[in-house]
Amino acid sequence: MLDLAGRTVVVTGASAGIGAAAAERFAERAAHVIVAARRQAELEALVARIRARGLSAHATTCDVASPEANEALVRFALEKTGRLDVFVANAGVTMVELFAKAKLESFEQVMRVNYFGTLYGFKAALPHVLERQGQLAIVSSFLGKRGAPTRSGYAASKHALHGLASCLRTELLGTETGVTVYCPGFVDTEIGKKAVERNEAAEAAREKGWTPEQAARVLVRAVERREREVVTPFFLRMVLRLDFLAPGLVDRLISRRFRKALEANPPSRPS
């Protein structure tokens, strides 16, 4: 178990959604929370909410797609609290479009934020997290385990994170520092509305899913328990088991659901 009291936890992508909810929950565990994102006003509002409860929080803007910005984020955490124990790579963007129609630059943008944004953060944070025998954490997705139509760019970026985490775990054996990967299913956040590309028919069929607070509870608990990987909700864990036994069947089931979504929400014709 990782006792979070008095430790410093950095959370990227913390202006809304899972990141904001997780920051509040880490603060409730008596951690010093450093929240980072591009939207300063939302970060300041989050810090105000946390401090109003007598808890510790600081905010700084950060574009995770920049290695220099991640280095500055780590320096900020050290300046404010004198330590860095946990780095939660949560910042991310998505794209929702068929592979054949999607723009190449969209794939590049998603990979820069989701994969390289995590890599840059971990690279800057690792020496300090190692010193404190802390934890690295990635907010991935069920799609980081199993792809689906219109999610190729997003799923690929999340699959890459699983490869990174797997390698880091083996390199960190014996250091008392681990890597947690959380793979939620649908969570009701604004990420879909801000997609780099957005297929309206596919996005309209997106399930509402969990609240950010529900996902944040799982994430914080997984970090405390130093768990390797957590997939929620339960039925998606069952999907992954079925995928291991009968991947062709899961292909057909997912493809059928996607086709029904497009038929139920056909693209609007230009006027």
Protein backbone atom coordinates (compact mmCIF):
# COMPACT_ATOMS: atom_id res chain seq x y z
CA MET A 1 0.00 0.00 0.00
CA LEU A 2 1.07 3.56 -0.71
CA ASP A 3 0.17 5.99 2.06
CA LEU A 4 -0.65 9.23 0.25
CA ALA A 5 -0.61 11.47 3.33
CA GLY A 6 2.04 14.14 2.95
CA ARG A 7 3.05 12.96 -0.50
CA THR A 8 3.02 15.14 -3.62
CA VAL A 9 0.79 13.99 -6.47
CA VAL A 10 0.89 15.59 -9.93
CA VAL A 11 -2.22 15.17 -12.09
CA THR A 12 -2.19 16.31 -15.71
CA GLY A 13 -5.36 17.08 -17.66
CA ALA A 14 -6.88 18.21 -14.38
CA SER A 15 -9.07 21.08 -15.56
CA ALA A 16 -12.12 18.79 -15.85
CA GLY A 17 -13.33 15.19 -15.97
CA ILE A 18 -11.40 12.35 -14.36
CA GLY A 19 -8.36 14.54 -13.71
CA ALA A 20 -10.25 17.14 -11.69
CA ALA A 21 -12.19 14.51 -9.75
CA ALA A 22 -9.02 12.53 -9.03
CA ALA A 23 -7.20 15.65 -7.80
CA GLU A 24 -9.94 16.28 -5.24
CA ARG A 25 -9.82 12.68 -4.11
CA PHE A 26 -6.02 12.66 -3.78
CA ALA A 27 -6.30 15.84 -1.71
CA GLU A 28 -8.84 14.11 0.54
CA ARG A 29 -6.14 11.52 1.20
CA ALA A 30 -4.00 14.38 2.65
CA ALA A 31 -1.72 14.53 -0.40
CA HIS A 32 -0.28 17.77 -1.75
CA VAL A 33 -1.89 18.00 -5.17
CA ILE A 34 -0.31 19.70 -8.19
CA VAL A 35 -2.88 20.12 -10.95
CA ALA A 36 -1.87 20.90 -14.52
CA ALA A 37 -3.70 21.57 -17.78
CA ARG A 38 -3.94 24.28 -20.43
CA ARG A 39 -6.98 26.07 -19.00
CA GLN A 40 -5.88 28.33 -16.17
CA ALA A 41 -9.36 29.49 -15.05
CA GLU A 42 -10.62 25.93 -14.55
CA LEU A 43 -7.48 24.99 -12.64
CA GLU A 44 -7.81 27.99 -10.34
CA ALA A 45 -11.44 27.09 -9.63
CA LEU A 46 -10.39 23.52 -8.78
CA VAL A 47 -7.64 24.70 -6.44
CA ALA A 48 -10.10 27.06 -4.74
CA ARG A 49 -12.53 24.17 -4.13
CA ILE A 50 -9.79 22.02 -2.65
CA ARG A 51 -8.34 24.76 -0.46
CA ALA A 52 -11.81 25.73 0.79
CA ARG A 53 -11.86 22.31 2.48
CA GLY A 54 -8.54 22.97 4.20
CA LEU A 55 -6.63 20.74 1.79
CA SER A 56 -3.43 21.32 -0.20
CA ALA A 57 -3.37 22.15 -3.92
CA HIS A 58 -1.39 24.20 -6.43
CA ALA A 59 -2.01 24.80 -10.13
CA THR A 60 0.12 25.51 -13.17
CA THR A 61 -0.61 25.54 -16.87
CA CYS A 62 1.07 22.86 -18.96
CA ASP A 63 0.89 21.67 -22.55
CA VAL A 64 1.89 18.03 -22.11
CA ALA A 65 2.85 17.73 -25.78
CA SER A 66 5.95 19.81 -24.94
CA PRO A 67 8.90 18.16 -23.15
CA GLU A 68 9.97 21.55 -21.81
CA ALA A 69 6.51 22.14 -20.33
CA ASN A 70 6.67 18.80 -18.52
CA GLU A 71 10.10 19.64 -17.11
CA ALA A 72 8.70 22.97 -15.91
CA LEU A 73 5.75 21.14 -14.31
CA VAL A 74 8.09 18.91 -12.32
CA ARG A 75 10.16 21.93 -11.22
CA PHE A 76 6.95 23.65 -10.11
CA ALA A 77 5.98 20.65 -7.97
CA LEU A 78 9.41 20.59 -6.35
CA GLU A 79 9.35 24.34 -5.72
CA LYS A 80 5.93 24.20 -4.09
CA THR A 81 6.29 21.05 -1.99
CA GLY A 82 9.94 19.97 -2.08
CA ARG A 83 9.14 16.51 -3.40
CA LEU A 84 7.37 14.46 -6.07
CA ASP A 85 5.95 11.04 -5.23
CA VAL A 86 3.18 10.24 -7.72
CA PHE A 87 2.79 11.35 -11.34
CA VAL A 88 -0.63 10.73 -12.90
CA ALA A 89 -0.62 11.08 -16.69
CA ASN A 90 -4.27 11.79 -17.40
CA ALA A 91 -4.23 14.45 -20.14
CA GLY A 92 -5.61 13.21 -23.42
CA VAL A 93 -7.51 13.93 -26.61
CA THR A 94 -9.54 11.67 -28.85
CA MET A 95 -10.61 11.32 -32.46
CA VAL A 96 -13.78 9.62 -33.68
CA GLU A 97 -13.67 8.80 -37.38
CA LEU A 98 -13.32 5.86 -39.72
CA PHE A 99 -9.67 5.12 -40.53
CA ALA A 100 -10.24 5.56 -44.28
CA LYS A 101 -11.68 9.06 -43.79
CA ALA A 102 -9.47 10.36 -40.97
CA LYS A 103 -6.71 12.90 -41.59
CA LEU A 104 -3.10 11.91 -41.00
CA GLU A 105 -2.48 15.02 -38.95
CA SER A 106 -5.23 13.94 -36.55
CA PHE A 107 -3.40 10.68 -35.78
CA GLU A 108 -0.23 12.66 -35.18
CA GLN A 109 -1.94 15.12 -32.85
CA VAL A 110 -3.55 12.39 -30.78
CA MET A 111 -0.25 10.53 -30.47
CA ARG A 112 1.60 13.70 -29.47
CA VAL A 113 -0.77 14.38 -26.59
CA ASN A 114 -1.71 10.90 -25.41
CA TYR A 115 1.54 9.01 -25.88
CA PHE A 116 4.33 11.57 -26.02
CA GLY A 117 2.60 13.73 -23.41
CA THR A 118 2.82 10.80 -20.99
CA LEU A 119 6.34 9.87 -22.02
CA TYR A 120 7.62 13.44 -21.51
CA GLY A 121 5.98 13.65 -18.10
CA PHE A 122 7.36 10.33 -16.93
CA LYS A 123 10.83 11.17 -18.22
CA ALA A 124 10.90 14.39 -16.20
CA ALA A 125 9.28 12.92 -13.08
CA LEU A 126 10.96 9.51 -12.83
CA PRO A 127 14.16 10.45 -10.93
CA HIS A 128 12.12 12.16 -8.21
CA VAL A 129 9.44 9.45 -8.03
CA LEU A 130 12.19 6.82 -7.76
CA GLU A 131 13.82 8.73 -4.90
CA ARG A 132 10.53 8.66 -2.98
CA GLN A 133 9.62 5.08 -3.96
CA GLY A 134 6.38 6.45 -5.36
CA GLN A 135 4.17 5.50 -8.28
CA LEU A 136 3.63 6.37 -11.93
CA ALA A 137 0.06 6.15 -13.20
CA ILE A 138 -1.56 6.26 -16.64
CA VAL A 139 -5.21 6.89 -17.38
CA SER A 140 -5.66 4.71 -20.44
CA SER A 141 -8.94 3.27 -21.72
CA PHE A 142 -10.67 0.01 -22.49
CA LEU A 143 -9.72 0.93 -26.06
CA GLY A 144 -6.10 0.59 -25.01
CA LYS A 145 -6.84 -3.11 -24.65
CA ARG A 146 -9.28 -3.67 -27.50
CA GLY A 147 -9.93 -1.50 -30.55
CA ALA A 148 -13.25 -0.51 -32.10
CA PRO A 149 -14.43 1.18 -35.32
CA THR A 150 -13.83 4.96 -35.59
CA ARG A 151 -11.38 4.85 -32.65
CA SER A 152 -8.19 3.78 -34.47
CA GLY A 153 -6.13 6.89 -33.65
CA TYR A 154 -7.19 6.99 -30.02
CA ALA A 155 -6.88 3.24 -29.49
CA ALA A 156 -3.42 3.17 -31.08
CA SER A 157 -2.17 5.91 -28.76
CA LYS A 158 -3.51 4.05 -25.72
CA HIS A 159 -2.07 0.72 -26.87
CA ALA A 160 1.31 2.45 -27.07
CA LEU A 161 0.98 3.50 -23.44
CA HIS A 162 0.46 -0.11 -22.39
CA GLY A 163 3.70 -1.04 -24.11
CA LEU A 164 5.51 1.79 -22.34
CA ALA A 165 4.09 0.75 -18.97
CA SER A 166 5.06 -2.89 -19.48
CA CYS A 167 8.66 -1.97 -20.22
CA LEU A 168 8.89 0.44 -17.29
CA ARG A 169 7.58 -2.16 -14.86
CA THR A 170 10.39 -4.57 -15.75
CA GLU A 171 13.01 -1.82 -15.54
CA LEU A 172 11.73 -0.68 -12.14
CA LEU A 173 11.66 -4.11 -10.50
CA GLY A 174 13.36 -3.96 -7.12
CA THR A 175 13.03 -0.18 -6.78
CA GLU A 176 9.71 -0.13 -4.85
CA THR A 177 8.36 2.12 -7.60
CA GLY A 178 5.59 0.82 -9.84
CA VAL A 179 3.35 1.69 -12.75
CA THR A 180 -0.44 1.66 -12.57
CA VAL A 181 -2.61 1.69 -15.71
CA TYR A 182 -6.31 2.41 -15.35
CA CYS A 183 -8.57 1.43 -18.27
CA PRO A 184 -12.09 2.83 -17.86
CA GLY A 185 -14.89 2.24 -20.30
CA PHE A 186 -17.14 5.13 -21.26
CA VAL A 187 -16.93 8.02 -18.81
CA ASP A 188 -19.18 11.06 -19.09
CA THR A 189 -16.55 13.74 -19.79
CA GLU A 190 -16.08 16.46 -22.39
CA ILE A 191 -13.36 14.60 -24.31
CA GLY A 192 -15.76 13.49 -27.07
CA LYS A 193 -17.07 17.01 -27.61
CA LYS A 194 -13.50 18.26 -28.13
CA ALA A 195 -12.40 15.44 -30.41
CA VAL A 196 -9.77 16.23 -33.02
CA GLU A 197 -12.12 14.63 -35.54
CA ARG A 198 -15.71 13.69 -34.75
CA ASN A 199 -17.99 11.30 -36.58
CA GLU A 200 -21.35 12.53 -35.33
CA ALA A 201 -23.17 9.26 -36.02
CA ALA A 202 -20.65 7.19 -34.09
CA GLU A 203 -20.40 9.71 -31.24
CA ALA A 204 -24.20 9.88 -30.92
CA ALA A 205 -24.23 6.17 -30.09
CA ARG A 206 -21.65 6.59 -27.33
CA GLU A 207 -22.94 5.35 -24.00
CA LYS A 208 -23.10 7.88 -21.19
CA GLY A 209 -21.15 5.61 -18.89
CA TRP A 210 -19.68 6.38 -15.47
CA THR A 211 -19.31 9.76 -13.85
CA PRO A 212 -15.78 11.20 -13.49
CA GLU A 213 -16.12 10.80 -9.73
CA GLN A 214 -16.76 7.07 -10.06
CA ALA A 215 -13.71 6.65 -12.29
CA ALA A 216 -11.57 8.83 -9.98
CA ARG A 217 -12.37 6.63 -6.98
CA VAL A 218 -11.09 3.59 -8.85
CA LEU A 219 -7.98 5.42 -10.06
CA VAL A 220 -6.95 6.69 -6.62
CA ARG A 221 -7.57 3.32 -5.02
CA ALA A 222 -5.47 1.63 -7.72
CA VAL A 223 -2.58 4.03 -7.06
CA GLU A 224 -2.83 3.45 -3.30
CA ARG A 225 -2.76 -0.30 -3.83
CA ARG A 226 0.00 -0.02 -6.45
CA GLU A 227 -2.07 -2.14 -8.82
CA ARG A 228 -0.62 -2.96 -12.21
CA GLU A 229 -3.79 -2.60 -14.25
CA VAL A 230 -7.47 -2.04 -13.58
CA VAL A 231 -10.31 -2.31 -16.13
CA THR A 232 -13.80 -1.02 -15.36
CA PRO A 233 -16.68 -1.72 -15.40
CA PHE A 234 -16.96 -5.45 -14.77
CA PHE A 235 -18.67 -6.32 -18.07
CA LEU A 236 -15.70 -4.95 -20.02
CA ARG A 237 -13.39 -7.30 -18.14
CA MET A 238 -15.67 -10.06 -19.33
CA VAL A 239 -15.41 -8.75 -22.90
CA LEU A 240 -11.62 -8.97 -22.67
CA ARG A 241 -11.83 -12.55 -21.44
CA LEU A 242 -14.12 -13.43 -24.34
CA ASP A 243 -11.74 -11.62 -26.70
CA PHE A 244 -8.91 -13.85 -25.51
CA LEU A 245 -10.97 -16.99 -26.16
CA ALA A 246 -12.84 -15.95 -29.31
CA PRO A 247 -11.47 -12.73 -30.84
CA GLY A 248 -13.31 -13.25 -34.12
CA LEU A 249 -16.63 -13.37 -32.31
CA VAL A 250 -15.86 -10.12 -30.48
CA ASP A 251 -14.90 -8.53 -33.81
CA ARG A 252 -18.30 -9.40 -35.22
CA LEU A 253 -20.19 -8.23 -32.13
CA ILE A 254 -18.44 -4.87 -32.05
CA SER A 255 -18.77 -4.39 -35.81
CA ARG A 256 -22.49 -5.19 -35.67
CA ARG A 257 -23.06 -2.68 -32.87
CA PHE A 258 -21.21 -0.02 -34.85
CA ARG A 259 -23.22 -0.63 -38.01
CA LYS A 260 -26.46 -0.33 -36.03
CA ALA A 261 -25.25 2.97 -34.59
CA LEU A 262 -24.59 4.41 -38.04
CA GLU A 263 -27.94 3.20 -39.36
CA ALA A 264 -29.74 4.72 -36.37
CA ASN A 265 -27.86 8.02 -36.69
CA PRO A 266 -27.16 8.52 -40.41
CA PRO A 267 -24.90 11.47 -41.34
CA SER A 268 -26.85 14.59 -42.18
CA ARG A 269 -26.82 15.60 -45.84
CA PRO A 270 -25.30 18.94 -46.72
CA SER A 271 -27.91 21.59 -47.52
